[in-house]
Amino acid sequence: MKNHLVPFALVLMAATESFAAETIVGKWAQSEAECEASPLTIKPMEIQGGDVFCYFNSVERTGDLVQWKGHCFADGGTRRPESGDNGEVRAFHRSGKLQVEGLGFAFPDLLRCK
């Protein structure tokens, strides 16, 4: 019986790895031209792109959804949220496309830059 458990354990480990969510850390844009000119750059605790700069205190991932808590600066330096409280930014990754939104901005249908 012991010999049958080893192959089952290996299959289970392989299946778990194949279901692991793909990282969204990297550069994203709506087109190849945007990848060169002004991509959205996602780091584990930071997002920068266009006129938006976000810095986060926490991050949580559930499947294809990533949620950060922190604050962003946009529109020439306006802080979002305006008070010292943290706001929430969400990213949803599905079928190779990424959507990022929160604190008054949205980046839809982003593709990973090469």
PDB file of N, CA and C in Angstrom:
ATOM      1  N   MET A   1       0.819  -1.200   0.000  1.00  0.00           N
ATOM      2  CA  MET A   1       0.000   0.000   0.000  1.00  0.00           C
ATOM      3  C   MET A   1       0.856   1.255   0.000  1.00  0.00           C
ATOM      4  N   LYS A   2       1.977   1.198   0.693  1.00  0.00           N
ATOM      5  CA  LYS A   2       2.865   2.353   0.777  1.00  0.00           C
ATOM      6  C   LYS A   2       3.320   2.811  -0.603  1.00  0.00           C
ATOM      7  N   ASN A   3       3.622   1.873  -1.512  1.00  0.00           N
ATOM      8  CA  ASN A   3       4.115   2.207  -2.837  1.00  0.00           C
ATOM      9  C   ASN A   3       3.089   2.962  -3.667  1.00  0.00           C
ATOM     10  N   HIS A   4       1.819   2.804  -3.408  1.00  0.00           N
ATOM     11  CA  HIS A   4       0.773   3.488  -4.155  1.00  0.00           C
ATOM     12  C   HIS A   4       0.631   4.940  -3.724  1.00  0.00           C
ATOM     13  N   LEU A   5       1.034   5.268  -2.510  1.00  0.00           N
ATOM     14  CA  LEU A   5       0.903   6.640  -2.011  1.00  0.00           C
ATOM     15  C   LEU A   5       1.909   7.586  -2.647  1.00  0.00           C
ATOM     16  N   VAL A   6       3.091   7.118  -2.966  1.00  0.00           N
ATOM     17  CA  VAL A   6       4.114   7.984  -3.550  1.00  0.00           C
ATOM     18  C   VAL A   6       3.662   8.538  -4.894  1.00  0.00           C
ATOM     19  N   PRO A   7       3.212   7.720  -5.863  1.00  0.00           N
ATOM     20  CA  PRO A   7       2.741   8.292  -7.129  1.00  0.00           C
ATOM     21  C   PRO A   7       1.561   9.238  -6.943  1.00  0.00           C
ATOM     22  N   PHE A   8       0.638   8.890  -6.031  1.00  0.00           N
ATOM     23  CA  PHE A   8      -0.506   9.764  -5.784  1.00  0.00           C
ATOM     24  C   PHE A   8      -0.041  11.117  -5.252  1.00  0.00           C
ATOM     25  N   ALA A   9       0.927  11.117  -4.350  1.00  0.00           N
ATOM     26  CA  ALA A   9       1.449  12.362  -3.784  1.00  0.00           C
ATOM     27  C   ALA A   9       2.116  13.205  -4.869  1.00  0.00           C
ATOM     28  N   LEU A  10       2.844  12.589  -5.780  1.00  0.00           N
ATOM     29  CA  LEU A  10       3.493  13.334  -6.866  1.00  0.00           C
ATOM     30  C   LEU A  10       2.466  13.955  -7.808  1.00  0.00           C
ATOM     31  N   VAL A  11       1.410  13.213  -8.119  1.00  0.00           N
ATOM     32  CA  VAL A  11       0.334  13.743  -8.972  1.00  0.00           C
ATOM     33  C   VAL A  11      -0.344  14.913  -8.275  1.00  0.00           C
ATOM     34  N   LEU A  12      -0.605  14.777  -6.992  1.00  0.00           N
ATOM     35  CA  LEU A  12      -1.245  15.849  -6.234  1.00  0.00           C
ATOM     36  C   LEU A  12      -0.370  17.096  -6.208  1.00  0.00           C
ATOM     37  N   MET A  13       0.930  16.938  -6.013  1.00  0.00           N
ATOM     38  CA  MET A  13       1.850  18.087  -6.000  1.00  0.00           C
ATOM     39  C   MET A  13       1.873  18.767  -7.362  1.00  0.00           C
ATOM     40  N   ALA A  14       1.913  18.004  -8.438  1.00  0.00           N
ATOM     41  CA  ALA A  14       1.929  18.570  -9.786  1.00  0.00           C
ATOM     42  C   ALA A  14       0.645  19.322 -10.068  1.00  0.00           C
ATOM     43  N   ALA A  15      -0.492  18.782  -9.656  1.00  0.00           N
ATOM     44  CA  ALA A  15      -1.778  19.448  -9.870  1.00  0.00           C
ATOM     45  C   ALA A  15      -1.838  20.750  -9.102  1.00  0.00           C
ATOM     46  N   THR A  16      -1.334  20.765  -7.888  1.00  0.00           N
ATOM     47  CA  THR A  16      -1.344  21.989  -7.089  1.00  0.00           C
ATOM     48  C   THR A  16      -0.506  23.064  -7.751  1.00  0.00           C
ATOM     49  N   GLU A  17       0.654  22.715  -8.274  1.00  0.00           N
ATOM     50  CA  GLU A  17       1.516  23.687  -8.937  1.00  0.00           C
ATOM     51  C   GLU A  17       0.859  24.240 -10.193  1.00  0.00           C
ATOM     52  N   SER A  18       0.142  23.413 -10.959  1.00  0.00           N
ATOM     53  CA  SER A  18      -0.471  23.890 -12.195  1.00  0.00           C
ATOM     54  C   SER A  18      -1.631  24.848 -11.918  1.00  0.00           C
ATOM     55  N   PHE A  19      -2.226  24.788 -10.724  1.00  0.00           N
ATOM     56  CA  PHE A  19      -3.325  25.673 -10.386  1.00  0.00           C
ATOM     57  C   PHE A  19      -2.852  26.954  -9.704  1.00  0.00           C
ATOM     58  N   ALA A  20      -1.560  27.081  -9.445  1.00  0.00           N
ATOM     59  CA  ALA A  20      -1.049  28.279  -8.788  1.00  0.00           C
ATOM     60  C   ALA A  20      -1.297  29.486  -9.688  1.00  0.00           C
ATOM     61  N   ALA A  21      -1.711  30.572  -9.076  1.00  0.00           N
ATOM     62  CA  ALA A  21      -2.001  31.787  -9.835  1.00  0.00           C
ATOM     63  C   ALA A  21      -0.710  32.406 -10.362  1.00  0.00           C
ATOM     64  N   GLU A  22      -0.760  32.915 -11.566  1.00  0.00           N
ATOM     65  CA  GLU A  22       0.387  33.560 -12.196  1.00  0.00           C
ATOM     66  C   GLU A  22       0.626  34.921 -11.543  1.00  0.00           C
ATOM     67  N   THR A  23       1.882  35.268 -11.351  1.00  0.00           N
ATOM     68  CA  THR A  23       2.202  36.564 -10.769  1.00  0.00           C
ATOM     69  C   THR A  23       1.773  37.694 -11.706  1.00  0.00           C
ATOM     70  N   ILE A  24       1.379  38.811 -11.126  1.00  0.00           N
ATOM     71  CA  ILE A  24       1.047  39.990 -11.929  1.00  0.00           C
ATOM     72  C   ILE A  24       2.144  41.042 -11.818  1.00  0.00           C
ATOM     73  N   VAL A  25       3.188  40.744 -11.060  1.00  0.00           N
ATOM     74  CA  VAL A  25       4.323  41.661 -10.966  1.00  0.00           C
ATOM     75  C   VAL A  25       4.949  41.782 -12.342  1.00  0.00           C
ATOM     76  N   GLY A  26       5.204  43.008 -12.770  1.00  0.00           N
ATOM     77  CA  GLY A  26       5.795  43.245 -14.079  1.00  0.00           C
ATOM     78  C   GLY A  26       5.187  44.469 -14.740  1.00  0.00           C
ATOM     79  N   LYS A  27       5.388  44.572 -16.049  1.00  0.00           N
ATOM     80  CA  LYS A  27       4.893  45.717 -16.821  1.00  0.00           C
ATOM     81  C   LYS A  27       3.713  45.278 -17.673  1.00  0.00           C
ATOM     82  N   TRP A  28       2.684  46.164 -17.705  1.00  0.00           N
ATOM     83  CA  TRP A  28       1.438  45.890 -18.403  1.00  0.00           C
ATOM     84  C   TRP A  28       1.026  47.113 -19.206  1.00  0.00           C
ATOM     85  N   ALA A  29       0.333  46.899 -20.329  1.00  0.00           N
ATOM     86  CA  ALA A  29      -0.185  48.003 -21.146  1.00  0.00           C
ATOM     87  C   ALA A  29      -1.285  47.476 -22.050  1.00  0.00           C
ATOM     88  N   GLN A  30      -1.998  48.405 -22.699  1.00  0.00           N
ATOM     89  CA  GLN A  30      -3.072  48.000 -23.604  1.00  0.00           C
ATOM     90  C   GLN A  30      -2.564  47.678 -25.007  1.00  0.00           C
ATOM     91  N   SER A  31      -1.320  48.071 -25.305  1.00  0.00           N
ATOM     92  CA  SER A  31      -0.753  47.788 -26.627  1.00  0.00           C
ATOM     93  C   SER A  31       0.764  47.715 -26.521  1.00  0.00           C
ATOM     94  N   GLU A  32       1.391  47.187 -27.585  1.00  0.00           N
ATOM     95  CA  GLU A  32       2.863  47.126 -27.601  1.00  0.00           C
ATOM     96  C   GLU A  32       3.461  48.525 -27.578  1.00  0.00           C
ATOM     97  N   ALA A  33       2.828  49.472 -28.251  1.00  0.00           N
ATOM     98  CA  ALA A  33       3.328  50.853 -28.252  1.00  0.00           C
ATOM     99  C   ALA A  33       3.319  51.434 -26.836  1.00  0.00           C
ATOM    100  N   GLU A  34       2.256  51.158 -26.077  1.00  0.00           N
ATOM    101  CA  GLU A  34       2.193  51.623 -24.688  1.00  0.00           C
ATOM    102  C   GLU A  34       3.234  50.935 -23.819  1.00  0.00           C
ATOM    103  N   CYS A  35       3.561  49.683 -24.150  1.00  0.00           N
ATOM    104  CA  CYS A  35       4.611  48.977 -23.403  1.00  0.00           C
ATOM    105  C   CYS A  35       5.928  49.733 -23.493  1.00  0.00           C
ATOM    106  N   GLU A  36       6.196  50.302 -24.641  1.00  0.00           N
ATOM    107  CA  GLU A  36       7.431  51.065 -24.837  1.00  0.00           C
ATOM    108  C   GLU A  36       7.343  52.463 -24.219  1.00  0.00           C
ATOM    109  N   ALA A  37       6.196  53.106 -24.366  1.00  0.00           N
ATOM    110  CA  ALA A  37       6.067  54.517 -23.966  1.00  0.00           C
ATOM    111  C   ALA A  37       5.678  54.713 -22.504  1.00  0.00           C
ATOM    112  N   SER A  38       4.651  54.027 -22.040  1.00  0.00           N
ATOM    113  CA  SER A  38       4.169  54.295 -20.675  1.00  0.00           C
ATOM    114  C   SER A  38       3.430  53.087 -20.081  1.00  0.00           C
ATOM    115  N   PRO A  39       4.163  52.031 -19.750  1.00  0.00           N
ATOM    116  CA  PRO A  39       3.500  50.865 -19.177  1.00  0.00           C
ATOM    117  C   PRO A  39       3.074  51.107 -17.729  1.00  0.00           C
ATOM    118  N   LEU A  40       2.161  50.302 -17.257  1.00  0.00           N
ATOM    119  CA  LEU A  40       1.804  50.257 -15.849  1.00  0.00           C
ATOM    120  C   LEU A  40       2.757  49.241 -15.226  1.00  0.00           C
ATOM    121  N   THR A  41       3.539  49.670 -14.238  1.00  0.00           N
ATOM    122  CA  THR A  41       4.512  48.791 -13.596  1.00  0.00           C
ATOM    123  C   THR A  41       3.982  48.376 -12.232  1.00  0.00           C
ATOM    124  N   ILE A  42       3.874  47.075 -12.030  1.00  0.00           N
ATOM    125  CA  ILE A  42       3.380  46.542 -10.769  1.00  0.00           C
ATOM    126  C   ILE A  42       4.526  45.859 -10.045  1.00  0.00           C
ATOM    127  N   LYS A  43       4.752  46.281  -8.813  1.00  0.00           N
ATOM    128  CA  LYS A  43       5.704  45.646  -7.912  1.00  0.00           C
ATOM    129  C   LYS A  43       4.878  45.068  -6.765  1.00  0.00           C
ATOM    130  N   PRO A  44       5.449  44.227  -5.924  1.00  0.00           N
ATOM    131  CA  PRO A  44       4.641  43.620  -4.866  1.00  0.00           C
ATOM    132  C   PRO A  44       3.874  44.628  -4.001  1.00  0.00           C
ATOM    133  N   MET A  45       4.463  45.779  -3.694  1.00  0.00           N
ATOM    134  CA  MET A  45       3.808  46.740  -2.805  1.00  0.00           C
ATOM    135  C   MET A  45       3.736  48.145  -3.429  1.00  0.00           C
ATOM    136  N   GLU A  46       3.708  48.202  -4.769  1.00  0.00           N
ATOM    137  CA  GLU A  46       3.727  49.500  -5.453  1.00  0.00           C
ATOM    138  C   GLU A  46       3.194  49.352  -6.873  1.00  0.00           C
ATOM    139  N   ILE A  47       2.490  50.387  -7.346  1.00  0.00           N
ATOM    140  CA  ILE A  47       2.043  50.463  -8.737  1.00  0.00           C
ATOM    141  C   ILE A  47       2.397  51.847  -9.252  1.00  0.00           C
ATOM    142  N   GLN A  48       2.973  51.905 -10.452  1.00  0.00           N
ATOM    143  CA  GLN A  48       3.274  53.182 -11.088  1.00  0.00           C
ATOM    144  C   GLN A  48       2.880  53.101 -12.553  1.00  0.00           C
ATOM    145  N   GLY A  49       2.224  54.154 -13.021  1.00  0.00           N
ATOM    146  CA  GLY A  49       1.874  54.207 -14.424  1.00  0.00           C
ATOM    147  C   GLY A  49       1.101  55.466 -14.739  1.00  0.00           C
ATOM    148  N   GLY A  50       1.426  56.088 -15.874  1.00  0.00           N
ATOM    149  CA  GLY A  50       0.765  57.340 -16.230  1.00  0.00           C
ATOM    150  C   GLY A  50       0.991  58.361 -15.130  1.00  0.00           C
ATOM    151  N   ASP A  51      -0.075  58.948 -14.639  1.00  0.00           N
ATOM    152  CA  ASP A  51       0.009  59.921 -13.561  1.00  0.00           C
ATOM    153  C   ASP A  51      -0.308  59.318 -12.195  1.00  0.00           C
ATOM    154  N   VAL A  52      -0.309  57.981 -12.084  1.00  0.00           N
ATOM    155  CA  VAL A  52      -0.691  57.310 -10.840  1.00  0.00           C
ATOM    156  C   VAL A  52       0.525  56.635 -10.205  1.00  0.00           C
ATOM    157  N   PHE A  53       0.715  56.915  -8.924  1.00  0.00           N
ATOM    158  CA  PHE A  53       1.760  56.264  -8.127  1.00  0.00           C
ATOM    159  C   PHE A  53       1.098  55.761  -6.855  1.00  0.00           C
ATOM    160  N   CYS A  54       1.139  54.458  -6.607  1.00  0.00           N
ATOM    161  CA  CYS A  54       0.495  53.873  -5.426  1.00  0.00           C
ATOM    162  C   CYS A  54       1.527  53.149  -4.576  1.00  0.00           C
ATOM    163  N   TYR A  55       1.360  53.307  -3.264  1.00  0.00           N
ATOM    164  CA  TYR A  55       2.228  52.666  -2.282  1.00  0.00           C
ATOM    165  C   TYR A  55       1.335  51.945  -1.284  1.00  0.00           C
ATOM    166  N   PHE A  56       1.663  50.694  -0.992  1.00  0.00           N
ATOM    167  CA  PHE A  56       0.768  49.875  -0.195  1.00  0.00           C
ATOM    168  C   PHE A  56       1.402  49.394   1.098  1.00  0.00           C
ATOM    169  N   ASN A  57       0.531  49.210   2.103  1.00  0.00           N
ATOM    170  CA  ASN A  57       0.938  48.674   3.397  1.00  0.00           C
ATOM    171  C   ASN A  57       0.668  47.185   3.491  1.00  0.00           C
ATOM    172  N   SER A  58      -0.317  46.700   2.715  1.00  0.00           N
ATOM    173  CA  SER A  58      -0.651  45.275   2.766  1.00  0.00           C
ATOM    174  C   SER A  58      -1.149  44.818   1.410  1.00  0.00           C
ATOM    175  N   VAL A  59      -1.028  43.510   1.184  1.00  0.00           N
ATOM    176  CA  VAL A  59      -1.506  42.898  -0.054  1.00  0.00           C
ATOM    177  C   VAL A  59      -2.082  41.530   0.296  1.00  0.00           C
ATOM    178  N   GLU A  60      -3.152  41.170  -0.414  1.00  0.00           N
ATOM    179  CA  GLU A  60      -3.793  39.871  -0.210  1.00  0.00           C
ATOM    180  C   GLU A  60      -4.202  39.330  -1.570  1.00  0.00           C
ATOM    181  N   ARG A  61      -3.961  38.056  -1.779  1.00  0.00           N
ATOM    182  CA  ARG A  61      -4.330  37.439  -3.054  1.00  0.00           C
ATOM    183  C   ARG A  61      -5.243  36.249  -2.815  1.00  0.00           C
ATOM    184  N   THR A  62      -6.335  36.212  -3.583  1.00  0.00           N
ATOM    185  CA  THR A  62      -7.258  35.087  -3.567  1.00  0.00           C
ATOM    186  C   THR A  62      -7.500  34.701  -5.018  1.00  0.00           C
ATOM    187  N   GLY A  63      -6.868  33.634  -5.470  1.00  0.00           N
ATOM    188  CA  GLY A  63      -7.015  33.209  -6.858  1.00  0.00           C
ATOM    189  C   GLY A  63      -6.494  34.264  -7.811  1.00  0.00           C
ATOM    190  N   ASP A  64      -7.368  34.761  -8.685  1.00  0.00           N
ATOM    191  CA  ASP A  64      -6.985  35.758  -9.686  1.00  0.00           C
ATOM    192  C   ASP A  64      -7.174  37.193  -9.214  1.00  0.00           C
ATOM    193  N   LEU A  65      -7.581  37.380  -7.968  1.00  0.00           N
ATOM    194  CA  LEU A  65      -7.831  38.720  -7.426  1.00  0.00           C
ATOM    195  C   LEU A  65      -6.730  39.105  -6.446  1.00  0.00           C
ATOM    196  N   VAL A  66      -6.121  40.278  -6.678  1.00  0.00           N
ATOM    197  CA  VAL A  66      -5.126  40.836  -5.764  1.00  0.00           C
ATOM    198  C   VAL A  66      -5.712  42.127  -5.207  1.00  0.00           C
ATOM    199  N   GLN A  67      -5.644  42.283  -3.881  1.00  0.00           N
ATOM    200  CA  GLN A  67      -6.155  43.490  -3.236  1.00  0.00           C
ATOM    201  C   GLN A  67      -5.051  44.096  -2.371  1.00  0.00           C
ATOM    202  N   TRP A  68      -4.796  45.382  -2.631  1.00  0.00           N
ATOM    203  CA  TRP A  68      -3.818  46.122  -1.845  1.00  0.00           C
ATOM    204  C   TRP A  68      -4.533  47.146  -0.985  1.00  0.00           C
ATOM    205  N   LYS A  69      -3.928  47.508   0.119  1.00  0.00           N
ATOM    206  CA  LYS A  69      -4.409  48.621   0.938  1.00  0.00           C
ATOM    207  C   LYS A  69      -3.251  49.597   1.085  1.00  0.00           C
ATOM    208  N   GLY A  70      -3.547  50.857   0.815  1.00  0.00           N
ATOM    209  CA  GLY A  70      -2.527  51.896   0.870  1.00  0.00           C
ATOM    210  C   GLY A  70      -3.075  53.188   0.304  1.00  0.00           C
ATOM    211  N   HIS A  71      -2.207  53.945  -0.350  1.00  0.00           N
ATOM    212  CA  HIS A  71      -2.646  55.220  -0.920  1.00  0.00           C
ATOM    213  C   HIS A  71      -1.949  55.451  -2.255  1.00  0.00           C
ATOM    214  N   CYS A  72      -2.542  56.331  -3.038  1.00  0.00           N
ATOM    215  CA  CYS A  72      -2.023  56.669  -4.361  1.00  0.00           C
ATOM    216  C   CYS A  72      -1.908  58.181  -4.481  1.00  0.00           C
ATOM    217  N   PHE A  73      -1.079  58.590  -5.393  1.00  0.00           N
ATOM    218  CA  PHE A  73      -0.984  59.999  -5.771  1.00  0.00           C
ATOM    219  C   PHE A  73      -1.316  60.078  -7.253  1.00  0.00           C
ATOM    220  N   ALA A  74      -2.170  61.025  -7.616  1.00  0.00           N
ATOM    221  CA  ALA A  74      -2.589  61.186  -9.007  1.00  0.00           C
ATOM    222  C   ALA A  74      -2.932  62.649  -9.254  1.00  0.00           C
ATOM    223  N   ASP A  75      -3.204  62.970 -10.514  1.00  0.00           N
ATOM    224  CA  ASP A  75      -3.641  64.325 -10.884  1.00  0.00           C
ATOM    225  C   ASP A  75      -2.709  65.394 -10.318  1.00  0.00           C
ATOM    226  N   GLY A  76      -1.414  65.283 -10.632  1.00  0.00           N
ATOM    227  CA  GLY A  76      -0.475  66.296 -10.200  1.00  0.00           C
ATOM    228  C   GLY A  76      -0.134  66.250  -8.716  1.00  0.00           C
ATOM    229  N   GLY A  77      -0.325  65.125  -8.067  1.00  0.00           N
ATOM    230  CA  GLY A  77       0.070  64.987  -6.671  1.00  0.00           C
ATOM    231  C   GLY A  77      -1.061  64.870  -5.675  1.00  0.00           C
ATOM    232  N   THR A  78      -2.302  64.834  -6.138  1.00  0.00           N
ATOM    233  CA  THR A  78      -3.442  64.693  -5.246  1.00  0.00           C
ATOM    234  C   THR A  78      -3.401  63.317  -4.602  1.00  0.00           C
ATOM    235  N   ARG A  79      -3.488  63.271  -3.266  1.00  0.00           N
ATOM    236  CA  ARG A  79      -3.451  62.001  -2.542  1.00  0.00           C
ATOM    237  C   ARG A  79      -4.838  61.376  -2.524  1.00  0.00           C
ATOM    238  N   ARG A  80      -4.880  60.070  -2.761  1.00  0.00           N
ATOM    239  CA  ARG A  80      -6.129  59.314  -2.689  1.00  0.00           C
ATOM    240  C   ARG A  80      -5.914  58.124  -1.781  1.00  0.00           C
ATOM    241  N   PRO A  81      -6.712  57.885  -0.771  1.00  0.00           N
ATOM    242  CA  PRO A  81      -7.708  58.816  -0.249  1.00  0.00           C
ATOM    243  C   PRO A  81      -7.040  60.053   0.346  1.00  0.00           C
ATOM    244  N   GLU A  82      -7.800  61.119   0.413  1.00  0.00           N
ATOM    245  CA  GLU A  82      -7.258  62.401   0.857  1.00  0.00           C
ATOM    246  C   GLU A  82      -6.834  62.382   2.318  1.00  0.00           C
ATOM    247  N   SER A  83      -7.552  61.638   3.161  1.00  0.00           N
ATOM    248  CA  SER A  83      -7.196  61.566   4.580  1.00  0.00           C
ATOM    249  C   SER A  83      -6.058  60.562   4.766  1.00  0.00           C
ATOM    250  N   GLY A  84      -5.617  60.374   5.985  1.00  0.00           N
ATOM    251  CA  GLY A  84      -4.538  59.450   6.289  1.00  0.00           C
ATOM    252  C   GLY A  84      -4.939  57.994   6.230  1.00  0.00           C
ATOM    253  N   ASP A  85      -6.229  57.708   6.024  1.00  0.00           N
ATOM    254  CA  ASP A  85      -6.693  56.320   5.954  1.00  0.00           C
ATOM    255  C   ASP A  85      -6.187  55.639   4.685  1.00  0.00           C
ATOM    256  N   ASN A  86      -6.158  54.316   4.731  1.00  0.00           N
ATOM    257  CA  ASN A  86      -5.790  53.545   3.545  1.00  0.00           C
ATOM    258  C   ASN A  86      -7.006  53.318   2.668  1.00  0.00           C
ATOM    259  N   GLY A  87      -6.780  53.277   1.372  1.00  0.00           N
ATOM    260  CA  GLY A  87      -7.819  52.916   0.424  1.00  0.00           C
ATOM    261  C   GLY A  87      -7.481  51.563  -0.174  1.00  0.00           C
ATOM    262  N   GLU A  88      -8.326  51.098  -1.070  1.00  0.00           N
ATOM    263  CA  GLU A  88      -8.133  49.772  -1.651  1.00  0.00           C
ATOM    264  C   GLU A  88      -7.995  49.855  -3.169  1.00  0.00           C
ATOM    265  N   VAL A  89      -7.028  49.119  -3.693  1.00  0.00           N
ATOM    266  CA  VAL A  89      -6.827  48.957  -5.134  1.00  0.00           C
ATOM    267  C   VAL A  89      -6.915  47.460  -5.408  1.00  0.00           C
ATOM    268  N   ARG A  90      -7.621  47.097  -6.487  1.00  0.00           N
ATOM    269  CA  ARG A  90      -7.826  45.704  -6.844  1.00  0.00           C
ATOM    270  C   ARG A  90      -7.303  45.434  -8.256  1.00  0.00           C
ATOM    271  N   ALA A  91      -6.758  44.253  -8.428  1.00  0.00           N
ATOM    272  CA  ALA A  91      -6.348  43.795  -9.756  1.00  0.00           C
ATOM    273  C   ALA A  91      -6.943  42.416  -9.979  1.00  0.00           C
ATOM    274  N   PHE A  92      -7.503  42.214 -11.158  1.00  0.00           N
ATOM    275  CA  PHE A  92      -8.113  40.937 -11.498  1.00  0.00           C
ATOM    276  C   PHE A  92      -7.470  40.426 -12.779  1.00  0.00           C
ATOM    277  N   HIS A  93      -6.888  39.229 -12.736  1.00  0.00           N
ATOM    278  CA  HIS A  93      -6.174  38.656 -13.870  1.00  0.00           C
ATOM    279  C   HIS A  93      -6.923  37.424 -14.375  1.00  0.00           C
ATOM    280  N   ARG A  94      -7.343  37.477 -15.617  1.00  0.00           N
ATOM    281  CA  ARG A  94      -8.054  36.339 -16.201  1.00  0.00           C
ATOM    282  C   ARG A  94      -7.816  36.322 -17.711  1.00  0.00           C
ATOM    283  N   SER A  95      -7.591  35.135 -18.229  1.00  0.00           N
ATOM    284  CA  SER A  95      -7.410  34.912 -19.675  1.00  0.00           C
ATOM    285  C   SER A  95      -6.322  35.806 -20.257  1.00  0.00           C
ATOM    286  N   GLY A  96      -5.245  36.009 -19.511  1.00  0.00           N
ATOM    287  CA  GLY A  96      -4.121  36.789 -20.008  1.00  0.00           C
ATOM    288  C   GLY A  96      -4.290  38.294 -19.932  1.00  0.00           C
ATOM    289  N   LYS A  97      -5.448  38.768 -19.467  1.00  0.00           N
ATOM    290  CA  LYS A  97      -5.686  40.211 -19.360  1.00  0.00           C
ATOM    291  C   LYS A  97      -5.796  40.613 -17.896  1.00  0.00           C
ATOM    292  N   LEU A  98      -5.378  41.835 -17.615  1.00  0.00           N
ATOM    293  CA  LEU A  98      -5.379  42.345 -16.247  1.00  0.00           C
ATOM    294  C   LEU A  98      -6.227  43.604 -16.177  1.00  0.00           C
ATOM    295  N   GLN A  99      -7.033  43.704 -15.140  1.00  0.00           N
ATOM    296  CA  GLN A  99      -7.819  44.906 -14.860  1.00  0.00           C
ATOM    297  C   GLN A  99      -7.332  45.435 -13.510  1.00  0.00           C
ATOM    298  N   VAL A 100      -7.012  46.706 -13.425  1.00  0.00           N
ATOM    299  CA  VAL A 100      -6.588  47.319 -12.164  1.00  0.00           C
ATOM    300  C   VAL A 100      -7.490  48.520 -11.926  1.00  0.00           C
ATOM    301  N   GLU A 101      -8.043  48.628 -10.708  1.00  0.00           N
ATOM    302  CA  GLU A 101      -8.939  49.749 -10.405  1.00  0.00           C
ATOM    303  C   GLU A 101      -8.939  50.050  -8.917  1.00  0.00           C
ATOM    304  N   GLY A 102      -9.326  51.254  -8.619  1.00  0.00           N
ATOM    305  CA  GLY A 102      -9.487  51.656  -7.229  1.00  0.00           C
ATOM    306  C   GLY A 102      -9.037  53.081  -7.017  1.00  0.00           C
ATOM    307  N   LEU A 103      -9.523  53.689  -5.970  1.00  0.00           N
ATOM    308  CA  LEU A 103      -9.169  55.054  -5.590  1.00  0.00           C
ATOM    309  C   LEU A 103      -9.363  56.049  -6.723  1.00  0.00           C
ATOM    310  N   GLY A 104     -10.385  55.817  -7.538  1.00  0.00           N
ATOM    311  CA  GLY A 104     -10.752  56.772  -8.580  1.00  0.00           C
ATOM    312  C   GLY A 104     -10.084  56.576  -9.924  1.00  0.00           C
ATOM    313  N   PHE A 105      -9.350  55.493 -10.120  1.00  0.00           N
ATOM    314  CA  PHE A 105      -8.750  55.251 -11.426  1.00  0.00           C
ATOM    315  C   PHE A 105      -9.001  53.807 -11.845  1.00  0.00           C
ATOM    316  N   ALA A 106      -8.844  53.559 -13.158  1.00  0.00           N
ATOM    317  CA  ALA A 106      -9.025  52.214 -13.691  1.00  0.00           C
ATOM    318  C   ALA A 106      -8.123  52.018 -14.910  1.00  0.00           C
ATOM    319  N   PHE A 107      -7.525  50.848 -14.981  1.00  0.00           N
ATOM    320  CA  PHE A 107      -6.714  50.439 -16.136  1.00  0.00           C
ATOM    321  C   PHE A 107      -7.304  49.124 -16.631  1.00  0.00           C
ATOM    322  N   PRO A 108      -8.138  49.155 -17.691  1.00  0.00           N
ATOM    323  CA  PRO A 108      -8.793  47.931 -18.169  1.00  0.00           C
ATOM    324  C   PRO A 108      -7.976  47.213 -19.251  1.00  0.00           C
ATOM    325  N   ASP A 109      -8.221  45.927 -19.376  1.00  0.00           N
ATOM    326  CA  ASP A 109      -7.732  45.108 -20.489  1.00  0.00           C
ATOM    327  C   ASP A 109      -6.234  45.262 -20.775  1.00  0.00           C
ATOM    328  N   LEU A 110      -5.423  45.130 -19.735  1.00  0.00           N
ATOM    329  CA  LEU A 110      -3.981  45.244 -19.897  1.00  0.00           C
ATOM    330  C   LEU A 110      -3.389  43.898 -20.285  1.00  0.00           C
ATOM    331  N   LEU A 111      -2.375  43.939 -21.143  1.00  0.00           N
ATOM    332  CA  LEU A 111      -1.637  42.758 -21.561  1.00  0.00           C
ATOM    333  C   LEU A 111      -0.221  42.867 -21.014  1.00  0.00           C
ATOM    334  N   ARG A 112       0.382  41.735 -20.691  1.00  0.00           N
ATOM    335  CA  ARG A 112       1.752  41.753 -20.168  1.00  0.00           C
ATOM    336  C   ARG A 112       2.726  42.201 -21.239  1.00  0.00           C
ATOM    337  N   CYS A 113       3.583  43.133 -20.901  1.00  0.00           N
ATOM    338  CA  CYS A 113       4.630  43.595 -21.813  1.00  0.00           C
ATOM    339  C   CYS A 113       5.739  42.552 -21.877  1.00  0.00           C
ATOM    340  N   LYS A 114       6.348  42.411 -23.037  1.00  0.00           N
ATOM    341  CA  LYS A 114       7.427  41.435 -23.217  1.00  0.00           C
ATOM    342  C   LYS A 114       8.768  42.077 -22.977  1.00  0.00           C
TER     343      LYS A 114
END
